Amino acid sequence: MATKLTLSVDEEKIRKIKRISKKRGRSVSKLFEDFIDDFDRKEKVKDVDINKIIGAFGKAPKNFNVDKAKWEYLKKKYDL
């Protein structure tokens, strides 16, 4: 169900989004919906539990620390 939403936006940005909307052949509302959907997808990727991924390749050690493993990888990669 579509519901109206009122936003306060700088006039220049309104002109810009209307140009983009016209260029892409989509309404401003549709562009906003697409933006929110894309943002939501990216947020969900951040919430992925690394242990679930590791579990697909075998059991992760109980004391496995994702941040420590990432740090060790980056230290080695960039010779820190």
PDB file of N, CA and C in Angstrom:
ATOM      1  N   MET A   1       0.842  -1.172   0.000  1.00  0.00           N
ATOM      2  CA  MET A   1       0.000   0.000   0.000  1.00  0.00           C
ATOM      3  C   MET A   1       0.893   1.244   0.000  1.00  0.00           C
ATOM      4  N   ALA A   2       0.672   2.130  -0.908  1.00  0.00           N
ATOM      5  CA  ALA A   2       1.446   3.361  -1.007  1.00  0.00           C
ATOM      6  C   ALA A   2       0.886   4.403  -0.048  1.00  0.00           C
ATOM      7  N   THR A   3       1.809   5.078   0.646  1.00  0.00           N
ATOM      8  CA  THR A   3       1.450   6.137   1.585  1.00  0.00           C
ATOM      9  C   THR A   3       2.321   7.337   1.292  1.00  0.00           C
ATOM     10  N   LYS A   4       1.732   8.519   1.415  1.00  0.00           N
ATOM     11  CA  LYS A   4       2.491   9.737   1.168  1.00  0.00           C
ATOM     12  C   LYS A   4       3.502   9.972   2.276  1.00  0.00           C
ATOM     13  N   LEU A   5       4.631  10.552   1.884  1.00  0.00           N
ATOM     14  CA  LEU A   5       5.691  10.899   2.817  1.00  0.00           C
ATOM     15  C   LEU A   5       6.171  12.298   2.459  1.00  0.00           C
ATOM     16  N   THR A   6       6.260  13.155   3.450  1.00  0.00           N
ATOM     17  CA  THR A   6       6.737  14.516   3.223  1.00  0.00           C
ATOM     18  C   THR A   6       8.165  14.625   3.745  1.00  0.00           C
ATOM     19  N   LEU A   7       9.061  15.112   2.888  1.00  0.00           N
ATOM     20  CA  LEU A   7      10.465  15.282   3.260  1.00  0.00           C
ATOM     21  C   LEU A   7      10.853  16.741   3.085  1.00  0.00           C
ATOM     22  N   SER A   8      11.764  17.202   3.904  1.00  0.00           N
ATOM     23  CA  SER A   8      12.338  18.537   3.737  1.00  0.00           C
ATOM     24  C   SER A   8      13.717  18.358   3.131  1.00  0.00           C
ATOM     25  N   VAL A   9      13.862  18.852   1.894  1.00  0.00           N
ATOM     26  CA  VAL A   9      15.099  18.648   1.159  1.00  0.00           C
ATOM     27  C   VAL A   9      15.513  19.965   0.508  1.00  0.00           C
ATOM     28  N   ASP A  10      16.804  20.194   0.443  1.00  0.00           N
ATOM     29  CA  ASP A  10      17.358  21.375  -0.203  1.00  0.00           C
ATOM     30  C   ASP A  10      16.862  21.458  -1.657  1.00  0.00           C
ATOM     31  N   GLU A  11      16.535  22.670  -2.109  1.00  0.00           N
ATOM     32  CA  GLU A  11      15.977  22.862  -3.457  1.00  0.00           C
ATOM     33  C   GLU A  11      16.882  22.317  -4.554  1.00  0.00           C
ATOM     34  N   GLU A  12      18.182  22.504  -4.411  1.00  0.00           N
ATOM     35  CA  GLU A  12      19.118  22.011  -5.429  1.00  0.00           C
ATOM     36  C   GLU A  12      19.059  20.488  -5.524  1.00  0.00           C
ATOM     37  N   LYS A  13      18.941  19.840  -4.382  1.00  0.00           N
ATOM     38  CA  LYS A  13      18.854  18.383  -4.383  1.00  0.00           C
ATOM     39  C   LYS A  13      17.542  17.918  -5.014  1.00  0.00           C
ATOM     40  N   ILE A  14      16.485  18.682  -4.818  1.00  0.00           N
ATOM     41  CA  ILE A  14      15.200  18.344  -5.447  1.00  0.00           C
ATOM     42  C   ILE A  14      15.324  18.427  -6.958  1.00  0.00           C
ATOM     43  N   ARG A  15      15.965  19.493  -7.438  1.00  0.00           N
ATOM     44  CA  ARG A  15      16.159  19.619  -8.898  1.00  0.00           C
ATOM     45  C   ARG A  15      17.007  18.463  -9.424  1.00  0.00           C
ATOM     46  N   LYS A  16      18.032  18.109  -8.663  1.00  0.00           N
ATOM     47  CA  LYS A  16      18.926  17.030  -9.069  1.00  0.00           C
ATOM     48  C   LYS A  16      18.177  15.693  -9.139  1.00  0.00           C
ATOM     49  N   ILE A  17      17.399  15.365  -8.118  1.00  0.00           N
ATOM     50  CA  ILE A  17      16.694  14.082  -8.116  1.00  0.00           C
ATOM     51  C   ILE A  17      15.625  14.047  -9.204  1.00  0.00           C
ATOM     52  N   LYS A  18      15.029  15.191  -9.505  1.00  0.00           N
ATOM     53  CA  LYS A  18      14.045  15.221 -10.595  1.00  0.00           C
ATOM     54  C   LYS A  18      14.715  14.998 -11.946  1.00  0.00           C
ATOM     55  N   ARG A  19      15.937  15.551 -12.123  1.00  0.00           N
ATOM     56  CA  ARG A  19      16.683  15.298 -13.368  1.00  0.00           C
ATOM     57  C   ARG A  19      17.029  13.813 -13.479  1.00  0.00           C
ATOM     58  N   ILE A  20      17.500  13.239 -12.392  1.00  0.00           N
ATOM     59  CA  ILE A  20      17.855  11.815 -12.380  1.00  0.00           C
ATOM     60  C   ILE A  20      16.619  10.973 -12.662  1.00  0.00           C
ATOM     61  N   SER A  21      15.523  11.335 -12.034  1.00  0.00           N
ATOM     62  CA  SER A  21      14.257  10.612 -12.215  1.00  0.00           C
ATOM     63  C   SER A  21      13.839  10.610 -13.686  1.00  0.00           C
ATOM     64  N   LYS A  22      13.906  11.772 -14.295  1.00  0.00           N
ATOM     65  CA  LYS A  22      13.517  11.895 -15.702  1.00  0.00           C
ATOM     66  C   LYS A  22      14.461  11.096 -16.595  1.00  0.00           C
ATOM     67  N   LYS A  23      15.757  11.196 -16.322  1.00  0.00           N
ATOM     68  CA  LYS A  23      16.768  10.497 -17.111  1.00  0.00           C
ATOM     69  C   LYS A  23      16.579   8.978 -17.052  1.00  0.00           C
ATOM     70  N   ARG A  24      16.245   8.474 -15.878  1.00  0.00           N
ATOM     71  CA  ARG A  24      16.078   7.028 -15.700  1.00  0.00           C
ATOM     72  C   ARG A  24      14.668   6.535 -16.016  1.00  0.00           C
ATOM     73  N   GLY A  25      13.747   7.468 -16.214  1.00  0.00           N
ATOM     74  CA  GLY A  25      12.381   7.067 -16.524  1.00  0.00           C
ATOM     75  C   GLY A  25      11.665   6.432 -15.340  1.00  0.00           C
ATOM     76  N   ARG A  26      12.013   6.885 -14.154  1.00  0.00           N
ATOM     77  CA  ARG A  26      11.397   6.377 -12.922  1.00  0.00           C
ATOM     78  C   ARG A  26      10.930   7.562 -12.087  1.00  0.00           C
ATOM     79  N   SER A  27       9.901   7.352 -11.322  1.00  0.00           N
ATOM     80  CA  SER A  27       9.423   8.420 -10.450  1.00  0.00           C
ATOM     81  C   SER A  27      10.400   8.622  -9.286  1.00  0.00           C
ATOM     82  N   VAL A  28      10.331   9.792  -8.690  1.00  0.00           N
ATOM     83  CA  VAL A  28      11.155  10.080  -7.527  1.00  0.00           C
ATOM     84  C   VAL A  28      10.809   9.072  -6.416  1.00  0.00           C
ATOM     85  N   SER A  29       9.535   8.763  -6.283  1.00  0.00           N
ATOM     86  CA  SER A  29       9.107   7.797  -5.265  1.00  0.00           C
ATOM     87  C   SER A  29       9.748   6.439  -5.498  1.00  0.00           C
ATOM     88  N   LYS A  30       9.780   6.004  -6.759  1.00  0.00           N
ATOM     89  CA  LYS A  30      10.376   4.701  -7.079  1.00  0.00           C
ATOM     90  C   LYS A  30      11.882   4.723  -6.808  1.00  0.00           C
ATOM     91  N   LEU A  31      12.560   5.811  -7.132  1.00  0.00           N
ATOM     92  CA  LEU A  31      13.992   5.926  -6.844  1.00  0.00           C
ATOM     93  C   LEU A  31      14.239   5.840  -5.342  1.00  0.00           C
ATOM     94  N   PHE A  32      13.381   6.498  -4.570  1.00  0.00           N
ATOM     95  CA  PHE A  32      13.529   6.456  -3.112  1.00  0.00           C
ATOM     96  C   PHE A  32      13.302   5.038  -2.595  1.00  0.00           C
ATOM     97  N   GLU A  33      12.273   4.370  -3.090  1.00  0.00           N
ATOM     98  CA  GLU A  33      12.010   2.982  -2.682  1.00  0.00           C
ATOM     99  C   GLU A  33      13.206   2.086  -3.015  1.00  0.00           C
ATOM    100  N   ASP A  34      13.745   2.240  -4.219  1.00  0.00           N
ATOM    101  CA  ASP A  34      14.905   1.438  -4.631  1.00  0.00           C
ATOM    102  C   ASP A  34      16.105   1.712  -3.735  1.00  0.00           C
ATOM    103  N   PHE A  35      16.300   2.983  -3.377  1.00  0.00           N
ATOM    104  CA  PHE A  35      17.401   3.353  -2.495  1.00  0.00           C
ATOM    105  C   PHE A  35      17.253   2.666  -1.135  1.00  0.00           C
ATOM    106  N   ILE A  36      16.053   2.702  -0.574  1.00  0.00           N
ATOM    107  CA  ILE A  36      15.806   2.092   0.733  1.00  0.00           C
ATOM    108  C   ILE A  36      16.014   0.583   0.656  1.00  0.00           C
ATOM    109  N   ASP A  37      15.537  -0.046  -0.414  1.00  0.00           N
ATOM    110  CA  ASP A  37      15.720  -1.496  -0.576  1.00  0.00           C
ATOM    111  C   ASP A  37      17.207  -1.844  -0.654  1.00  0.00           C
ATOM    112  N   ASP A  38      17.965  -1.062  -1.422  1.00  0.00           N
ATOM    113  CA  ASP A  38      19.401  -1.303  -1.564  1.00  0.00           C
ATOM    114  C   ASP A  38      20.113  -1.108  -0.226  1.00  0.00           C
ATOM    115  N   PHE A  39      19.752  -0.055   0.481  1.00  0.00           N
ATOM    116  CA  PHE A  39      20.338   0.219   1.794  1.00  0.00           C
ATOM    117  C   PHE A  39      20.052  -0.936   2.748  1.00  0.00           C
ATOM    118  N   ASP A  40      18.828  -1.432   2.725  1.00  0.00           N
ATOM    119  CA  ASP A  40      18.428  -2.534   3.599  1.00  0.00           C
ATOM    120  C   ASP A  40      19.227  -3.795   3.274  1.00  0.00           C
ATOM    121  N   ARG A  41      19.424  -4.080   1.991  1.00  0.00           N
ATOM    122  CA  ARG A  41      20.207  -5.253   1.587  1.00  0.00           C
ATOM    123  C   ARG A  41      21.636  -5.149   2.102  1.00  0.00           C
ATOM    124  N   LYS A  42      22.226  -3.975   1.992  1.00  0.00           N
ATOM    125  CA  LYS A  42      23.602  -3.777   2.451  1.00  0.00           C
ATOM    126  C   LYS A  42      23.702  -3.922   3.965  1.00  0.00           C
ATOM    127  N   GLU A  43      22.710  -3.455   4.683  1.00  0.00           N
ATOM    128  CA  GLU A  43      22.708  -3.601   6.141  1.00  0.00           C
ATOM    129  C   GLU A  43      22.614  -5.070   6.531  1.00  0.00           C
ATOM    130  N   LYS A  44      21.829  -5.842   5.809  1.00  0.00           N
ATOM    131  CA  LYS A  44      21.683  -7.260   6.120  1.00  0.00           C
ATOM    132  C   LYS A  44      22.991  -8.004   5.889  1.00  0.00           C
ATOM    133  N   VAL A  45      23.749  -7.593   4.883  1.00  0.00           N
ATOM    134  CA  VAL A  45      25.045  -8.226   4.621  1.00  0.00           C
ATOM    135  C   VAL A  45      25.971  -7.990   5.801  1.00  0.00           C
ATOM    136  N   LYS A  46      25.915  -6.811   6.402  1.00  0.00           N
ATOM    137  CA  LYS A  46      26.754  -6.505   7.555  1.00  0.00           C
ATOM    138  C   LYS A  46      26.410  -7.381   8.749  1.00  0.00           C
ATOM    139  N   ASP A  47      25.154  -7.811   8.823  1.00  0.00           N
ATOM    140  CA  ASP A  47      24.685  -8.589   9.972  1.00  0.00           C
ATOM    141  C   ASP A  47      24.930 -10.085   9.832  1.00  0.00           C
ATOM    142  N   VAL A  48      25.594 -10.510   8.776  1.00  0.00           N
ATOM    143  CA  VAL A  48      25.834 -11.932   8.563  1.00  0.00           C
ATOM    144  C   VAL A  48      26.744 -12.467   9.672  1.00  0.00           C
ATOM    145  N   ASP A  49      26.362 -13.586  10.236  1.00  0.00           N
ATOM    146  CA  ASP A  49      27.153 -14.214  11.293  1.00  0.00           C
ATOM    147  C   ASP A  49      28.266 -15.026  10.634  1.00  0.00           C
ATOM    148  N   ILE A  50      29.497 -14.638  10.857  1.00  0.00           N
ATOM    149  CA  ILE A  50      30.642 -15.300  10.228  1.00  0.00           C
ATOM    150  C   ILE A  50      30.699 -16.770  10.597  1.00  0.00           C
ATOM    151  N   ASN A  51      30.248 -17.108  11.786  1.00  0.00           N
ATOM    152  CA  ASN A  51      30.284 -18.507  12.208  1.00  0.00           C
ATOM    153  C   ASN A  51      29.371 -19.381  11.353  1.00  0.00           C
ATOM    154  N   LYS A  52      28.283 -18.810  10.835  1.00  0.00           N
ATOM    155  CA  LYS A  52      27.410 -19.567   9.941  1.00  0.00           C
ATOM    156  C   LYS A  52      28.128 -19.866   8.624  1.00  0.00           C
ATOM    157  N   ILE A  53      28.881 -18.893   8.147  1.00  0.00           N
ATOM    158  CA  ILE A  53      29.627 -19.089   6.899  1.00  0.00           C
ATOM    159  C   ILE A  53      30.732 -20.115   7.110  1.00  0.00           C
ATOM    160  N   ILE A  54      31.464 -19.958   8.200  1.00  0.00           N
ATOM    161  CA  ILE A  54      32.541 -20.903   8.496  1.00  0.00           C
ATOM    162  C   ILE A  54      31.972 -22.308   8.657  1.00  0.00           C
ATOM    163  N   GLY A  55      30.802 -22.397   9.264  1.00  0.00           N
ATOM    164  CA  GLY A  55      30.162 -23.689   9.473  1.00  0.00           C
ATOM    165  C   GLY A  55      29.919 -24.444   8.184  1.00  0.00           C
ATOM    166  N   ALA A  56      29.772 -23.724   7.095  1.00  0.00           N
ATOM    167  CA  ALA A  56      29.563 -24.374   5.802  1.00  0.00           C
ATOM    168  C   ALA A  56      30.821 -25.102   5.347  1.00  0.00           C
ATOM    169  N   PHE A  57      31.971 -24.715   5.890  1.00  0.00           N
ATOM    170  CA  PHE A  57      33.247 -25.317   5.499  1.00  0.00           C
ATOM    171  C   PHE A  57      33.812 -26.223   6.591  1.00  0.00           C
ATOM    172  N   GLY A  58      33.043 -26.445   7.609  1.00  0.00           N
ATOM    173  CA  GLY A  58      33.486 -27.252   8.740  1.00  0.00           C
ATOM    174  C   GLY A  58      33.214 -26.499  10.019  1.00  0.00           C
ATOM    175  N   LYS A  59      33.537 -27.083  11.122  1.00  0.00           N
ATOM    176  CA  LYS A  59      33.266 -26.429  12.398  1.00  0.00           C
ATOM    177  C   LYS A  59      34.337 -25.392  12.713  1.00  0.00           C
ATOM    178  N   ALA A  60      33.882 -24.249  13.189  1.00  0.00           N
ATOM    179  CA  ALA A  60      34.802 -23.201  13.632  1.00  0.00           C
ATOM    180  C   ALA A  60      35.244 -23.520  15.058  1.00  0.00           C
ATOM    181  N   PRO A  61      36.482 -23.244  15.377  1.00  0.00           N
ATOM    182  CA  PRO A  61      36.933 -23.449  16.759  1.00  0.00           C
ATOM    183  C   PRO A  61      36.074 -22.636  17.724  1.00  0.00           C
ATOM    184  N   LYS A  62      35.846 -23.141  18.910  1.00  0.00           N
ATOM    185  CA  LYS A  62      34.999 -22.446  19.880  1.00  0.00           C
ATOM    186  C   LYS A  62      35.567 -21.094  20.269  1.00  0.00           C
ATOM    187  N   ASN A  63      36.863 -20.960  20.274  1.00  0.00           N
ATOM    188  CA  ASN A  63      37.475 -19.691  20.670  1.00  0.00           C
ATOM    189  C   ASN A  63      37.825 -18.812  19.465  1.00  0.00           C
ATOM    190  N   PHE A  64      37.220 -19.058  18.310  1.00  0.00           N
ATOM    191  CA  PHE A  64      37.500 -18.289  17.101  1.00  0.00           C
ATOM    192  C   PHE A  64      37.032 -16.851  17.271  1.00  0.00           C
ATOM    193  N   ASN A  65      37.910 -15.898  17.000  1.00  0.00           N
ATOM    194  CA  ASN A  65      37.608 -14.482  17.125  1.00  0.00           C
ATOM    195  C   ASN A  65      37.719 -13.850  15.738  1.00  0.00           C
ATOM    196  N   VAL A  66      36.598 -13.444  15.196  1.00  0.00           N
ATOM    197  CA  VAL A  66      36.554 -12.888  13.841  1.00  0.00           C
ATOM    198  C   VAL A  66      37.428 -11.648  13.728  1.00  0.00           C
ATOM    199  N   ASP A  67      37.306 -10.742  14.684  1.00  0.00           N
ATOM    200  CA  ASP A  67      38.080  -9.500  14.617  1.00  0.00           C
ATOM    201  C   ASP A  67      39.577  -9.760  14.682  1.00  0.00           C
ATOM    202  N   LYS A  68      39.971 -10.690  15.527  1.00  0.00           N
ATOM    203  CA  LYS A  68      41.393 -11.020  15.635  1.00  0.00           C
ATOM    204  C   LYS A  68      41.903 -11.648  14.330  1.00  0.00           C
ATOM    205  N   ALA A  69      41.107 -12.538  13.758  1.00  0.00           N
ATOM    206  CA  ALA A  69      41.498 -13.176  12.494  1.00  0.00           C
ATOM    207  C   ALA A  69      41.625 -12.139  11.381  1.00  0.00           C
ATOM    208  N   LYS A  70      40.684 -11.203  11.341  1.00  0.00           N
ATOM    209  CA  LYS A  70      40.737 -10.143  10.324  1.00  0.00           C
ATOM    210  C   LYS A  70      41.984  -9.286  10.522  1.00  0.00           C
ATOM    211  N   TRP A  71      42.265  -8.927  11.773  1.00  0.00           N
ATOM    212  CA  TRP A  71      43.438  -8.111  12.077  1.00  0.00           C
ATOM    213  C   TRP A  71      44.721  -8.836  11.680  1.00  0.00           C
ATOM    214  N   GLU A  72      44.826 -10.116  11.996  1.00  0.00           N
ATOM    215  CA  GLU A  72      46.020 -10.889  11.641  1.00  0.00           C
ATOM    216  C   GLU A  72      46.192 -10.944  10.121  1.00  0.00           C
ATOM    217  N   TYR A  73      45.095 -11.125   9.411  1.00  0.00           N
ATOM    218  CA  TYR A  73      45.143 -11.157   7.946  1.00  0.00           C
ATOM    219  C   TYR A  73      45.645  -9.816   7.396  1.00  0.00           C
ATOM    220  N   LEU A  74      45.082  -8.718   7.906  1.00  0.00           N
ATOM    221  CA  LEU A  74      45.476  -7.404   7.414  1.00  0.00           C
ATOM    222  C   LEU A  74      46.925  -7.065   7.773  1.00  0.00           C
ATOM    223  N   LYS A  75      47.360  -7.466   8.955  1.00  0.00           N
ATOM    224  CA  LYS A  75      48.756  -7.243   9.340  1.00  0.00           C
ATOM    225  C   LYS A  75      49.695  -7.933   8.359  1.00  0.00           C
ATOM    226  N   LYS A  76      49.363  -9.177   8.019  1.00  0.00           N
ATOM    227  CA  LYS A  76      50.202  -9.928   7.092  1.00  0.00           C
ATOM    228  C   LYS A  76      50.143  -9.331   5.687  1.00  0.00           C
ATOM    229  N   LYS A  77      48.940  -8.997   5.256  1.00  0.00           N
ATOM    230  CA  LYS A  77      48.753  -8.461   3.905  1.00  0.00           C
ATOM    231  C   LYS A  77      49.515  -7.152   3.702  1.00  0.00           C
ATOM    232  N   TYR A  78      49.452  -6.261   4.693  1.00  0.00           N
ATOM    233  CA  TYR A  78      50.054  -4.938   4.552  1.00  0.00           C
ATOM    234  C   TYR A  78      51.387  -4.818   5.290  1.00  0.00           C
ATOM    235  N   ASP A  79      51.928  -5.949   5.707  1.00  0.00           N
ATOM    236  CA  ASP A  79      53.231  -5.999   6.356  1.00  0.00           C
ATOM    237  C   ASP A  79      53.325  -4.992   7.504  1.00  0.00           C
ATOM    238  N   LEU A  80      52.350  -5.077   8.409  1.00  0.00           N
ATOM    239  CA  LEU A  80      52.303  -4.151   9.552  1.00  0.00           C
ATOM    240  C   LEU A  80      53.072  -4.696  10.716  1.00  0.00           C
TER     241      LEU A  80
END
